[in-house]
Structures are given as structure tokens and as C-alpha cells.
Amino acid sequence: MGWHTPTIFYIGGVKIRLLYLFIDDCRLRGLTDRTLESYKSNIRFFLNIYPDPLTIDINDLRSLLLILKEKDLKVKTIKTYFSNLSSFYDFLVFDELILFNPISTFVKRYVNGKYIDSENRQLISIDNVHDLISLCPSILDRALILTLAKTGMRRGELLGLKIGDIDLERRTIKTPVKAKRTNRVCFIDDELNKVLLEYIAEHGDLYRKNDIDWFWISTPKRPCRTGRVHRDYINNMLSGIGQVLGIHEPGGPLDKRLTCHCFRHFFTTSLFRSGMRSEYIMFLRGDSLGRESWHIYNHLDYDSIREEYLSCIPTLL
């Protein structure tokens, strides 16, 4: 059959063999040693996340771009990365392993246009998050912000939590079922556990009296006026505190606004900077790994991820 058969991608040493077949192809085309080193580094990083390059889809590429942006790479570096990746897929097309190069159209929409420069979210710091929590007027606000920062949940996932989703004994939170999310388990560290206990202690009677299943509920201004926190509540709260701290510009560009999604970027960037493995971060974010997600996730050690998470997540209180 020869090395063209796709079945070789599923046996031992697949990633390295494929990478070096591509590098050999580049040498035959006369590329410089410096260019080859760039290709090796970038394609190896890609294959560590997506072991089977034949199965990636548009959502995988969006997740990849987000990972690169949250590593604080320069725009030029990201463009070089996708240029290398596109060359790799041109090689796969030439060798008839795939029918078309999925990178070229993605690059045109997300990398070479204005998106990569204009759509950057504000990257908040540990000090920013500490100050935000310090200025919160209620335990509800502190708990909401800390949960966002410690889990990287999206706003809808956060507000969709019910009482049964919080397991303080096992120190886990189970997010609602969402098409975007693969892994639904988030971990609770000591700081978050303490704040959630304080929140539950203050709201316990309200759960019982009002027969409420939602975890996040507002304190009533008068009897029987409590219920699930409104979807706009968090961003309005962040807007108010953020303006006081000078990190929110109402109506400004995304990199000047403080929103819930800033905490997802904060979560990802904090773990990257602490040295956590990329596949662990993607697992904790709930990112899809395409058709290979079941294979990769089934081979991740749950206890190891929890241990590394607890060692990498920053102290915020």
C-alpha cells in the first residue's frame, strides 16, 4: 500500500512520521533550514492537539485560533502559524490524503481580515479580578465573578446551573448540556469552595421558601420577589464595577469592555502561563476536539487534570 494510505495515522509513531514526511517534501522543494524549523515547531504543536489532521472541522480551527490568541502571540506570529499549517494541508492534498485545504478559507475570514485585530477581548489581570471581587457589594456578585474566573464558563452555562449541579463534597460543578461543550465538569478550588459555601448559607432559606431549582437567585427586596438571576445582571454588574476601576468603556471596542467572556480568556491565559498542557486546558474549557475528542478525552487522566488545575489556577482572594 505504501505510506500514502491513511491507516498509518492510527498506529504508533503516526504524528512524527507524518510530520517528517512533510518536512522531507519541504526539503525537496528547496526550503531553508530556518523555514523547516518553523514548520516543525508549529505542525508538531498542531498535531499534539489534533492527532488526526484528516478530521478537523471549522470549530476545531476556531478553537485553535482562540488558543493562539490567548497565548498573547503577535498577529504576525499567528499569521505565520496558519501559513505553515496551510502548507502542511497543501501537502496532504497533493498526496491525495484529503480533497481540499480547509485552512485557506479559514485564514481569509479570520486571520488575514480585520477580525484578528479588531475582535480581541480585553485581557484582564489577576490584580483586576482581585479588585473587582473586593468592590463587589454582595456575596452573589463575588460568587458570580469568582466562578467565572475559576471555571472559564460562558455566561449561559453559568446562569443555567441548578442546585444539583454543584457538588461541594467532590469539589465539582457540572455545566448544563450545550452543543458547544464536550466536557461538562469544572473543578472547585479552596477559594471558590469558601465563597460558594458563604453564598449558599445566605440563600439557603430562599431556596426552601420559594421552591427554586436555579442555583443563582437574587435576594428579594420584599417577600416572594426572588428568582433566577436575569441574563443581563452579570454584565450590568461588571460594567458598573469596571467603570470604577477604569477597565470598562461603555459602548467601546471589545478590548475596552469588561464582559463575562473576558473571564473565559482570563481562565485560559492563566492556565497557559502556568504551564498547563494544551489538551488539559481544552478539556477544562469544554472545547470540541472534532471526531477525535472521544479518543483523546478518554485517555486523559481525570485526577491528573484536577491536580494540575489546582496547581495552576491563580489565587484571587
C-alpha atoms as a PDB file:
ATOM      1  CA  MET A   1       0.000   0.000   0.000  1.00  0.00           C
ATOM      2  CA  GLY A   2       2.871   2.461   0.666  1.00  0.00           C
ATOM      3  CA  TRP A   3       2.917   5.399   3.021  1.00  0.00           C
ATOM      4  CA  HIS A   4       0.047   7.158   1.268  1.00  0.00           C
ATOM      5  CA  THR A   5      -2.586   5.021   2.973  1.00  0.00           C
ATOM      6  CA  PRO A   6      -4.439   6.967   5.723  1.00  0.00           C
ATOM      7  CA  THR A   7      -4.447   3.909   8.005  1.00  0.00           C
ATOM      8  CA  ILE A   8      -0.882   4.699   9.105  1.00  0.00           C
ATOM      9  CA  PHE A   9      -2.258   7.651  11.072  1.00  0.00           C
ATOM     10  CA  TYR A  10      -3.716   5.286  13.637  1.00  0.00           C
ATOM     11  CA  ILE A  11      -0.636   3.259  14.574  1.00  0.00           C
ATOM     12  CA  GLY A  12       2.288   4.046  16.860  1.00  0.00           C
ATOM     13  CA  GLY A  13       4.508   6.978  15.885  1.00  0.00           C
ATOM     14  CA  VAL A  14       1.917   8.350  13.459  1.00  0.00           C
ATOM     15  CA  LYS A  15       2.397  12.051  14.276  1.00  0.00           C
ATOM     16  CA  ILE A  16       6.157  12.002  13.938  1.00  0.00           C
ATOM     17  CA  ARG A  17       6.085  10.014  10.687  1.00  0.00           C
ATOM     18  CA  LEU A  18       3.585  12.352   9.097  1.00  0.00           C
ATOM     19  CA  LEU A  19       5.444  15.453  10.242  1.00  0.00           C
ATOM     20  CA  TYR A  20       8.754  14.282   8.823  1.00  0.00           C
ATOM     21  CA  LEU A  21       7.221  13.161   5.554  1.00  0.00           C
ATOM     22  CA  PHE A  22       6.020  16.742   5.223  1.00  0.00           C
ATOM     23  CA  ILE A  23       9.460  18.103   6.144  1.00  0.00           C
ATOM     24  CA  ASP A  24      11.099  15.838   3.535  1.00  0.00           C
ATOM     25  CA  ASP A  25       8.674  17.238   0.990  1.00  0.00           C
ATOM     26  CA  CYS A  26       9.700  20.783   2.003  1.00  0.00           C
ATOM     27  CA  ARG A  27      13.394  19.898   1.576  1.00  0.00           C
ATOM     28  CA  LEU A  28      12.710  18.610  -1.920  1.00  0.00           C
ATOM     29  CA  ARG A  29      11.148  21.979  -2.690  1.00  0.00           C
ATOM     30  CA  GLY A  30      14.296  23.751  -1.543  1.00  0.00           C
ATOM     31  CA  LEU A  31      13.015  25.498   1.599  1.00  0.00           C
ATOM     32  CA  THR A  32      15.617  26.889   4.004  1.00  0.00           C
ATOM     33  CA  ASP A  33      16.582  25.256   7.296  1.00  0.00           C
ATOM     34  CA  ARG A  34      15.097  28.220   9.200  1.00  0.00           C
ATOM     35  CA  THR A  35      11.746  27.714   7.450  1.00  0.00           C
ATOM     36  CA  LEU A  36      11.859  23.979   8.165  1.00  0.00           C
ATOM     37  CA  GLU A  37      12.387  24.610  11.892  1.00  0.00           C
ATOM     38  CA  SER A  38       9.358  26.911  11.948  1.00  0.00           C
ATOM     39  CA  TYR A  39       7.292  24.234  10.186  1.00  0.00           C
ATOM     40  CA  LYS A  40       8.454  21.525  12.602  1.00  0.00           C
ATOM     41  CA  SER A  41       7.594  23.556  15.696  1.00  0.00           C
ATOM     42  CA  ASN A  42       4.185  24.744  14.522  1.00  0.00           C
ATOM     43  CA  ILE A  43       2.999  21.494  12.961  1.00  0.00           C
ATOM     44  CA  ARG A  44       4.158  19.472  15.986  1.00  0.00           C
ATOM     45  CA  PHE A  45       2.124  21.783  18.267  1.00  0.00           C
ATOM     46  CA  PHE A  46      -0.893  21.310  15.994  1.00  0.00           C
ATOM     47  CA  LEU A  47      -0.596  17.510  15.869  1.00  0.00           C
ATOM     48  CA  ASN A  48      -0.290  17.287  19.639  1.00  0.00           C
ATOM     49  CA  ILE A  49      -3.777  18.822  19.854  1.00  0.00           C
ATOM     50  CA  TYR A  50      -5.290  17.189  16.747  1.00  0.00           C
ATOM     51  CA  PRO A  51      -3.591  13.785  16.240  1.00  0.00           C
ATOM     52  CA  ASP A  52      -5.674  13.014  13.147  1.00  0.00           C
ATOM     53  CA  PRO A  53      -5.419  16.058  10.840  1.00  0.00           C
ATOM     54  CA  LEU A  54      -7.839  14.488   8.361  1.00  0.00           C
ATOM     55  CA  THR A  55     -10.824  15.021  10.643  1.00  0.00           C
ATOM     56  CA  ILE A  56     -10.597  18.665  11.748  1.00  0.00           C
ATOM     57  CA  ASP A  57     -13.547  20.962  11.116  1.00  0.00           C
ATOM     58  CA  ILE A  58     -14.260  24.677  11.330  1.00  0.00           C
ATOM     59  CA  ASN A  59     -14.975  24.552  15.065  1.00  0.00           C
ATOM     60  CA  ASP A  60     -11.595  22.921  15.684  1.00  0.00           C
ATOM     61  CA  LEU A  61      -9.898  25.741  13.779  1.00  0.00           C
ATOM     62  CA  ARG A  62     -11.815  28.380  15.731  1.00  0.00           C
ATOM     63  CA  SER A  63     -10.712  26.749  18.986  1.00  0.00           C
ATOM     64  CA  LEU A  64      -7.135  26.658  17.717  1.00  0.00           C
ATOM     65  CA  LEU A  65      -7.199  30.346  16.823  1.00  0.00           C
ATOM     66  CA  LEU A  66      -8.566  31.190  20.261  1.00  0.00           C
ATOM     67  CA  ILE A  67      -5.772  29.195  21.916  1.00  0.00           C
ATOM     68  CA  LEU A  68      -3.141  31.055  19.899  1.00  0.00           C
ATOM     69  CA  LYS A  69      -4.677  34.456  20.642  1.00  0.00           C
ATOM     70  CA  GLU A  70      -4.861  33.734  24.336  1.00  0.00           C
ATOM     71  CA  LYS A  71      -1.146  32.916  24.390  1.00  0.00           C
ATOM     72  CA  ASP A  72      -0.659  36.661  23.719  1.00  0.00           C
ATOM     73  CA  LEU A  73       1.050  35.984  20.403  1.00  0.00           C
ATOM     74  CA  LYS A  74       1.560  38.841  17.975  1.00  0.00           C
ATOM     75  CA  VAL A  75      -0.740  38.978  14.948  1.00  0.00           C
ATOM     76  CA  LYS A  76       2.242  38.378  12.660  1.00  0.00           C
ATOM     77  CA  THR A  77       3.141  35.218  14.613  1.00  0.00           C
ATOM     78  CA  ILE A  78      -0.403  33.870  14.329  1.00  0.00           C
ATOM     79  CA  LYS A  79      -0.420  34.556  10.589  1.00  0.00           C
ATOM     80  CA  THR A  80       2.883  32.701  10.234  1.00  0.00           C
ATOM     81  CA  TYR A  81       1.467  29.775  12.189  1.00  0.00           C
ATOM     82  CA  PHE A  82      -1.551  29.434   9.896  1.00  0.00           C
ATOM     83  CA  SER A  83       0.632  29.906   6.825  1.00  0.00           C
ATOM     84  CA  ASN A  84       2.740  26.935   7.994  1.00  0.00           C
ATOM     85  CA  LEU A  85      -0.394  24.939   8.704  1.00  0.00           C
ATOM     86  CA  SER A  86      -1.800  25.742   5.268  1.00  0.00           C
ATOM     87  CA  SER A  87       1.407  24.474   3.640  1.00  0.00           C
ATOM     88  CA  PHE A  88       1.038  21.251   5.604  1.00  0.00           C
ATOM     89  CA  TYR A  89      -2.511  20.807   4.298  1.00  0.00           C
ATOM     90  CA  ASP A  90      -1.387  21.587   0.741  1.00  0.00           C
ATOM     91  CA  PHE A  91       0.990  18.638   1.178  1.00  0.00           C
ATOM     92  CA  LEU A  92      -1.899  16.406   2.320  1.00  0.00           C
ATOM     93  CA  VAL A  93      -3.952  17.454  -0.713  1.00  0.00           C
ATOM     94  CA  PHE A  94      -1.024  16.833  -3.078  1.00  0.00           C
ATOM     95  CA  ASP A  95      -0.546  13.346  -1.646  1.00  0.00           C
ATOM     96  CA  GLU A  96      -4.288  12.725  -2.085  1.00  0.00           C
ATOM     97  CA  LEU A  97      -4.911  12.187   1.631  1.00  0.00           C
ATOM     98  CA  ILE A  98      -7.618  14.878   1.682  1.00  0.00           C
ATOM     99  CA  LEU A  99      -9.674  16.533  -1.036  1.00  0.00           C
ATOM    100  CA  PHE A 100      -9.132  20.198  -0.168  1.00  0.00           C
ATOM    101  CA  ASN A 101      -7.175  22.510   2.129  1.00  0.00           C
ATOM    102  CA  PRO A 102      -9.546  23.712   4.922  1.00  0.00           C
ATOM    103  CA  ILE A 103      -7.059  26.325   6.149  1.00  0.00           C
ATOM    104  CA  SER A 104      -7.169  28.706   3.194  1.00  0.00           C
ATOM    105  CA  THR A 105     -10.805  29.758   3.527  1.00  0.00           C
ATOM    106  CA  PHE A 106     -10.483  29.950   7.323  1.00  0.00           C
ATOM    107  CA  VAL A 107      -7.438  32.225   7.045  1.00  0.00           C
ATOM    108  CA  LYS A 108      -9.257  34.508   4.630  1.00  0.00           C
ATOM    109  CA  ARG A 109     -12.140  35.018   7.061  1.00  0.00           C
ATOM    110  CA  TYR A 110     -10.439  35.014  10.471  1.00  0.00           C
ATOM    111  CA  VAL A 111      -6.720  35.687  10.090  1.00  0.00           C
ATOM    112  CA  ASN A 112      -5.989  37.912   7.111  1.00  0.00           C
ATOM    113  CA  GLY A 113      -9.006  40.161   7.630  1.00  0.00           C
ATOM    114  CA  LYS A 114      -9.741  42.649  10.420  1.00  0.00           C
ATOM    115  CA  TYR A 115     -11.164  40.021  12.763  1.00  0.00           C
ATOM    116  CA  ILE A 116      -7.928  39.049  14.447  1.00  0.00           C
ATOM    117  CA  ASP A 117      -7.061  42.675  15.277  1.00  0.00           C
ATOM    118  CA  SER A 118     -10.458  44.200  15.998  1.00  0.00           C
ATOM    119  CA  GLU A 119     -12.185  41.344  17.838  1.00  0.00           C
ATOM    120  CA  ASN A 120      -9.650  40.875  20.625  1.00  0.00           C
ATOM    121  CA  ARG A 121     -11.310  40.736  24.012  1.00  0.00           C
ATOM    122  CA  GLN A 122      -9.835  42.686  26.865  1.00  0.00           C
ATOM    123  CA  LEU A 123      -7.302  40.569  28.731  1.00  0.00           C
ATOM    124  CA  ILE A 124      -7.788  41.258  32.430  1.00  0.00           C
ATOM    125  CA  SER A 125      -5.072  40.631  35.008  1.00  0.00           C
ATOM    126  CA  ILE A 126      -5.071  38.819  38.340  1.00  0.00           C
ATOM    127  CA  ASP A 127      -4.975  42.222  40.058  1.00  0.00           C
ATOM    128  CA  ASN A 128      -8.019  43.321  38.023  1.00  0.00           C
ATOM    129  CA  VAL A 129     -10.011  40.283  39.150  1.00  0.00           C
ATOM    130  CA  HIS A 130      -8.900  40.737  42.772  1.00  0.00           C
ATOM    131  CA  ASP A 131     -10.013  44.396  42.688  1.00  0.00           C
ATOM    132  CA  LEU A 132     -13.344  43.504  41.070  1.00  0.00           C
ATOM    133  CA  ILE A 133     -14.113  40.987  43.804  1.00  0.00           C
ATOM    134  CA  SER A 134     -13.033  43.437  46.511  1.00  0.00           C
ATOM    135  CA  LEU A 135     -15.527  46.027  45.258  1.00  0.00           C
ATOM    136  CA  CYS A 136     -18.477  43.630  44.983  1.00  0.00           C
ATOM    137  CA  PRO A 137     -21.352  44.813  47.198  1.00  0.00           C
ATOM    138  CA  SER A 138     -22.813  41.332  47.772  1.00  0.00           C
ATOM    139  CA  ILE A 139     -21.840  37.707  48.143  1.00  0.00           C
ATOM    140  CA  LEU A 140     -23.861  36.978  44.984  1.00  0.00           C
ATOM    141  CA  ASP A 141     -21.620  39.273  42.937  1.00  0.00           C
ATOM    142  CA  ARG A 142     -18.428  37.880  44.465  1.00  0.00           C
ATOM    143  CA  ALA A 143     -19.535  34.314  43.838  1.00  0.00           C
ATOM    144  CA  LEU A 144     -20.505  35.034  40.221  1.00  0.00           C
ATOM    145  CA  ILE A 145     -17.195  36.705  39.373  1.00  0.00           C
ATOM    146  CA  LEU A 146     -15.086  34.094  41.135  1.00  0.00           C
ATOM    147  CA  THR A 147     -16.939  31.237  39.432  1.00  0.00           C
ATOM    148  CA  LEU A 148     -16.358  32.818  36.019  1.00  0.00           C
ATOM    149  CA  ALA A 149     -12.664  33.327  36.755  1.00  0.00           C
ATOM    150  CA  LYS A 150     -12.072  29.868  38.238  1.00  0.00           C
ATOM    151  CA  THR A 151     -14.006  27.800  35.656  1.00  0.00           C
ATOM    152  CA  GLY A 152     -13.974  29.719  32.361  1.00  0.00           C
ATOM    153  CA  MET A 153     -17.701  29.083  31.892  1.00  0.00           C
ATOM    154  CA  ARG A 154     -19.711  31.007  29.355  1.00  0.00           C
ATOM    155  CA  ARG A 155     -22.455  33.268  30.712  1.00  0.00           C
ATOM    156  CA  GLY A 156     -25.257  30.940  29.592  1.00  0.00           C
ATOM    157  CA  GLU A 157     -23.573  27.952  31.218  1.00  0.00           C
ATOM    158  CA  LEU A 158     -23.102  29.870  34.457  1.00  0.00           C
ATOM    159  CA  LEU A 159     -26.689  31.089  34.674  1.00  0.00           C
ATOM    160  CA  GLY A 160     -28.034  27.681  33.645  1.00  0.00           C
ATOM    161  CA  LEU A 161     -26.655  25.999  36.762  1.00  0.00           C
ATOM    162  CA  LYS A 162     -29.088  24.333  39.130  1.00  0.00           C
ATOM    163  CA  ILE A 163     -28.605  23.413  42.775  1.00  0.00           C
ATOM    164  CA  GLY A 164     -27.909  19.771  41.946  1.00  0.00           C
ATOM    165  CA  ASP A 165     -25.072  20.768  39.587  1.00  0.00           C
ATOM    166  CA  ILE A 166     -22.914  21.993  42.485  1.00  0.00           C
ATOM    167  CA  ASP A 167     -21.140  19.201  44.372  1.00  0.00           C
ATOM    168  CA  LEU A 168     -19.080  20.751  47.160  1.00  0.00           C
ATOM    169  CA  GLU A 169     -18.192  17.348  48.584  1.00  0.00           C
ATOM    170  CA  ARG A 170     -16.490  16.252  45.358  1.00  0.00           C
ATOM    171  CA  ARG A 171     -15.471  19.848  44.582  1.00  0.00           C
ATOM    172  CA  THR A 172     -17.018  19.813  41.103  1.00  0.00           C
ATOM    173  CA  ILE A 173     -19.560  21.747  39.068  1.00  0.00           C
ATOM    174  CA  LYS A 174     -21.454  20.088  36.230  1.00  0.00           C
ATOM    175  CA  THR A 175     -22.372  22.560  33.495  1.00  0.00           C
ATOM    176  CA  PRO A 176     -25.663  22.384  31.568  1.00  0.00           C
ATOM    177  CA  VAL A 177     -25.789  20.336  28.375  1.00  0.00           C
ATOM    178  CA  LYS A 178     -24.649  22.550  25.494  1.00  0.00           C
ATOM    179  CA  ALA A 179     -23.829  21.726  21.885  1.00  0.00           C
ATOM    180  CA  LYS A 180     -20.613  23.777  22.159  1.00  0.00           C
ATOM    181  CA  ARG A 181     -19.249  21.948  25.204  1.00  0.00           C
ATOM    182  CA  THR A 182     -17.717  18.470  25.259  1.00  0.00           C
ATOM    183  CA  ASN A 183     -16.531  18.098  28.858  1.00  0.00           C
ATOM    184  CA  ARG A 184     -19.101  19.356  31.388  1.00  0.00           C
ATOM    185  CA  VAL A 185     -17.058  19.047  34.595  1.00  0.00           C
ATOM    186  CA  CYS A 186     -15.419  22.070  36.236  1.00  0.00           C
ATOM    187  CA  PHE A 187     -13.311  21.880  39.382  1.00  0.00           C
ATOM    188  CA  ILE A 188     -13.694  23.886  42.594  1.00  0.00           C
ATOM    189  CA  ASP A 189     -10.575  25.047  44.442  1.00  0.00           C
ATOM    190  CA  ASP A 190     -10.403  26.179  48.081  1.00  0.00           C
ATOM    191  CA  GLU A 191     -11.182  29.832  47.326  1.00  0.00           C
ATOM    192  CA  LEU A 192     -14.230  29.091  45.220  1.00  0.00           C
ATOM    193  CA  ASN A 193     -15.442  26.484  47.695  1.00  0.00           C
ATOM    194  CA  LYS A 194     -15.309  29.032  50.538  1.00  0.00           C
ATOM    195  CA  VAL A 195     -17.235  31.676  48.601  1.00  0.00           C
ATOM    196  CA  LEU A 196     -19.869  29.209  47.348  1.00  0.00           C
ATOM    197  CA  LEU A 197     -20.424  27.985  50.906  1.00  0.00           C
ATOM    198  CA  GLU A 198     -20.942  31.591  52.016  1.00  0.00           C
ATOM    199  CA  TYR A 199     -23.354  32.212  49.133  1.00  0.00           C
ATOM    200  CA  ILE A 200     -25.358  29.047  49.906  1.00  0.00           C
ATOM    201  CA  ALA A 201     -25.517  29.916  53.607  1.00  0.00           C
ATOM    202  CA  GLU A 202     -27.054  33.294  52.796  1.00  0.00           C
ATOM    203  CA  HIS A 203     -29.520  31.960  50.220  1.00  0.00           C
ATOM    204  CA  GLY A 204     -30.491  28.611  51.763  1.00  0.00           C
ATOM    205  CA  ASP A 205     -33.794  29.844  53.219  1.00  0.00           C
ATOM    206  CA  LEU A 206     -34.749  31.417  49.885  1.00  0.00           C
ATOM    207  CA  TYR A 207     -34.291  28.092  48.092  1.00  0.00           C
ATOM    208  CA  ARG A 208     -36.574  26.338  50.565  1.00  0.00           C
ATOM    209  CA  LYS A 209     -39.258  29.025  50.896  1.00  0.00           C
ATOM    210  CA  ASN A 210     -39.581  29.673  47.166  1.00  0.00           C
ATOM    211  CA  ASP A 211     -39.035  26.109  45.883  1.00  0.00           C
ATOM    212  CA  ILE A 212     -36.327  27.264  43.463  1.00  0.00           C
ATOM    213  CA  ASP A 213     -34.079  24.893  41.495  1.00  0.00           C
ATOM    214  CA  TRP A 214     -31.809  27.540  39.964  1.00  0.00           C
ATOM    215  CA  PHE A 215     -28.518  27.998  41.791  1.00  0.00           C
ATOM    216  CA  TRP A 216     -28.118  31.727  41.132  1.00  0.00           C
ATOM    217  CA  ILE A 217     -31.003  33.657  42.654  1.00  0.00           C
ATOM    218  CA  SER A 218     -31.397  37.279  43.612  1.00  0.00           C
ATOM    219  CA  THR A 219     -32.103  38.426  47.149  1.00  0.00           C
ATOM    220  CA  PRO A 220     -35.680  39.772  47.309  1.00  0.00           C
ATOM    221  CA  LYS A 221     -36.353  43.392  48.132  1.00  0.00           C
ATOM    222  CA  ARG A 222     -39.638  42.252  49.609  1.00  0.00           C
ATOM    223  CA  PRO A 223     -41.212  38.818  50.271  1.00  0.00           C
ATOM    224  CA  CYS A 224     -41.783  36.469  47.324  1.00  0.00           C
ATOM    225  CA  ARG A 225     -39.861  38.668  44.881  1.00  0.00           C
ATOM    226  CA  THR A 226     -36.862  36.425  44.398  1.00  0.00           C
ATOM    227  CA  GLY A 227     -35.963  34.246  41.448  1.00  0.00           C
ATOM    228  CA  ARG A 228     -33.349  33.281  38.891  1.00  0.00           C
ATOM    229  CA  VAL A 229     -30.722  35.948  38.197  1.00  0.00           C
ATOM    230  CA  HIS A 230     -31.542  37.755  34.928  1.00  0.00           C
ATOM    231  CA  ARG A 231     -29.180  37.115  31.996  1.00  0.00           C
ATOM    232  CA  ASP A 232     -28.234  40.822  31.824  1.00  0.00           C
ATOM    233  CA  TYR A 233     -27.459  41.098  35.523  1.00  0.00           C
ATOM    234  CA  ILE A 234     -23.818  39.974  35.372  1.00  0.00           C
ATOM    235  CA  ASN A 235     -22.684  42.227  32.538  1.00  0.00           C
ATOM    236  CA  ASN A 236     -24.503  45.185  34.100  1.00  0.00           C
ATOM    237  CA  MET A 237     -22.771  44.471  37.400  1.00  0.00           C
ATOM    238  CA  LEU A 238     -19.383  44.122  35.695  1.00  0.00           C
ATOM    239  CA  SER A 239     -19.972  47.333  33.770  1.00  0.00           C
ATOM    240  CA  GLY A 240     -20.597  49.316  36.950  1.00  0.00           C
ATOM    241  CA  ILE A 241     -17.598  47.986  38.895  1.00  0.00           C
ATOM    242  CA  GLY A 242     -15.404  48.005  35.795  1.00  0.00           C
ATOM    243  CA  GLN A 243     -16.014  51.711  35.212  1.00  0.00           C
ATOM    244  CA  VAL A 244     -14.970  52.456  38.783  1.00  0.00           C
ATOM    245  CA  LEU A 245     -11.706  50.573  38.178  1.00  0.00           C
ATOM    246  CA  GLY A 246     -11.175  52.120  34.745  1.00  0.00           C
ATOM    247  CA  ILE A 247     -11.294  48.800  32.894  1.00  0.00           C
ATOM    248  CA  HIS A 248     -14.655  49.198  31.174  1.00  0.00           C
ATOM    249  CA  GLU A 249     -15.608  51.680  28.468  1.00  0.00           C
ATOM    250  CA  PRO A 250     -19.382  51.596  27.781  1.00  0.00           C
ATOM    251  CA  GLY A 251     -20.012  51.263  24.057  1.00  0.00           C
ATOM    252  CA  GLY A 252     -16.290  50.987  23.376  1.00  0.00           C
ATOM    253  CA  PRO A 253     -14.451  48.321  21.349  1.00  0.00           C
ATOM    254  CA  LEU A 254     -14.212  44.801  22.744  1.00  0.00           C
ATOM    255  CA  ASP A 255     -10.703  45.331  24.061  1.00  0.00           C
ATOM    256  CA  LYS A 256     -12.008  48.213  26.201  1.00  0.00           C
ATOM    257  CA  ARG A 257     -15.101  46.479  27.570  1.00  0.00           C
ATOM    258  CA  LEU A 258     -15.437  44.184  30.573  1.00  0.00           C
ATOM    259  CA  THR A 259     -17.829  41.301  29.855  1.00  0.00           C
ATOM    260  CA  CYS A 260     -18.360  37.748  31.081  1.00  0.00           C
ATOM    261  CA  HIS A 261     -16.325  36.410  28.191  1.00  0.00           C
ATOM    262  CA  CYS A 262     -13.248  38.289  29.437  1.00  0.00           C
ATOM    263  CA  PHE A 263     -13.102  35.777  32.285  1.00  0.00           C
ATOM    264  CA  ARG A 264     -13.035  32.838  29.861  1.00  0.00           C
ATOM    265  CA  HIS A 265      -9.979  34.439  28.263  1.00  0.00           C
ATOM    266  CA  PHE A 266      -8.525  35.123  31.711  1.00  0.00           C
ATOM    267  CA  PHE A 267      -9.046  31.488  32.719  1.00  0.00           C
ATOM    268  CA  THR A 268      -7.378  30.141  29.574  1.00  0.00           C
ATOM    269  CA  THR A 269      -4.455  32.568  29.626  1.00  0.00           C
ATOM    270  CA  SER A 270      -3.781  31.996  33.334  1.00  0.00           C
ATOM    271  CA  LEU A 271      -3.526  28.231  32.830  1.00  0.00           C
ATOM    272  CA  PHE A 272      -1.307  28.632  29.760  1.00  0.00           C
ATOM    273  CA  ARG A 273       1.053  30.941  31.611  1.00  0.00           C
ATOM    274  CA  SER A 274       1.237  28.468  34.480  1.00  0.00           C
ATOM    275  CA  GLY A 275       2.409  25.763  32.090  1.00  0.00           C
ATOM    276  CA  MET A 276      -0.677  23.555  31.855  1.00  0.00           C
ATOM    277  CA  ARG A 277      -0.798  21.125  28.926  1.00  0.00           C
ATOM    278  CA  SER A 278      -2.890  22.342  25.966  1.00  0.00           C
ATOM    279  CA  GLU A 279      -5.143  19.291  25.925  1.00  0.00           C
ATOM    280  CA  TYR A 280      -5.885  19.735  29.636  1.00  0.00           C
ATOM    281  CA  ILE A 281      -6.895  23.350  29.042  1.00  0.00           C
ATOM    282  CA  MET A 282      -9.126  22.402  26.126  1.00  0.00           C
ATOM    283  CA  PHE A 283     -10.730  19.706  28.283  1.00  0.00           C
ATOM    284  CA  LEU A 284     -11.431  22.210  31.091  1.00  0.00           C
ATOM    285  CA  ARG A 285     -12.818  24.742  28.620  1.00  0.00           C
ATOM    286  CA  GLY A 286     -15.076  22.035  27.185  1.00  0.00           C
ATOM    287  CA  ASP A 287     -13.694  22.597  23.679  1.00  0.00           C
ATOM    288  CA  SER A 288     -14.519  20.121  20.964  1.00  0.00           C
ATOM    289  CA  LEU A 289     -11.581  18.207  19.523  1.00  0.00           C
ATOM    290  CA  GLY A 290     -13.570  17.143  16.488  1.00  0.00           C
ATOM    291  CA  ARG A 291     -14.078  13.489  15.705  1.00  0.00           C
ATOM    292  CA  GLU A 292     -11.049  12.571  17.808  1.00  0.00           C
ATOM    293  CA  SER A 293     -12.393  14.142  21.015  1.00  0.00           C
ATOM    294  CA  TRP A 294     -13.732  10.885  22.435  1.00  0.00           C
ATOM    295  CA  HIS A 295     -10.387   9.169  21.804  1.00  0.00           C
ATOM    296  CA  ILE A 296      -8.249  11.924  23.333  1.00  0.00           C
ATOM    297  CA  TYR A 297     -10.528  12.690  26.284  1.00  0.00           C
ATOM    298  CA  ASN A 298     -10.870   9.007  27.153  1.00  0.00           C
ATOM    299  CA  HIS A 299      -7.104   8.826  27.524  1.00  0.00           C
ATOM    300  CA  LEU A 300      -6.797  11.836  29.827  1.00  0.00           C
ATOM    301  CA  ASP A 301      -6.407  11.067  33.498  1.00  0.00           C
ATOM    302  CA  TYR A 302      -9.139  12.876  35.441  1.00  0.00           C
ATOM    303  CA  ASP A 303      -7.206  13.037  38.706  1.00  0.00           C
ATOM    304  CA  SER A 304      -4.114  14.366  36.940  1.00  0.00           C
ATOM    305  CA  ILE A 305      -6.145  17.148  35.342  1.00  0.00           C
ATOM    306  CA  ARG A 306      -7.635  18.102  38.714  1.00  0.00           C
ATOM    307  CA  GLU A 307      -4.188  18.108  40.340  1.00  0.00           C
ATOM    308  CA  GLU A 308      -2.662  20.251  37.608  1.00  0.00           C
ATOM    309  CA  TYR A 309      -5.667  22.584  37.649  1.00  0.00           C
ATOM    310  CA  LEU A 310      -5.293  23.167  41.406  1.00  0.00           C
ATOM    311  CA  SER A 311      -1.585  23.908  40.961  1.00  0.00           C
ATOM    312  CA  CYS A 312      -2.112  26.295  38.000  1.00  0.00           C
ATOM    313  CA  ILE A 313      -5.284  28.243  38.804  1.00  0.00           C
ATOM    314  CA  PRO A 314      -4.309  31.632  40.307  1.00  0.00           C
ATOM    315  CA  THR A 315      -5.105  32.853  43.818  1.00  0.00           C
ATOM    316  CA  LEU A 316      -7.641  35.675  43.582  1.00  0.00           C
ATOM    317  CA  LEU A 317      -8.812  36.491  47.109  1.00  0.00           C
END
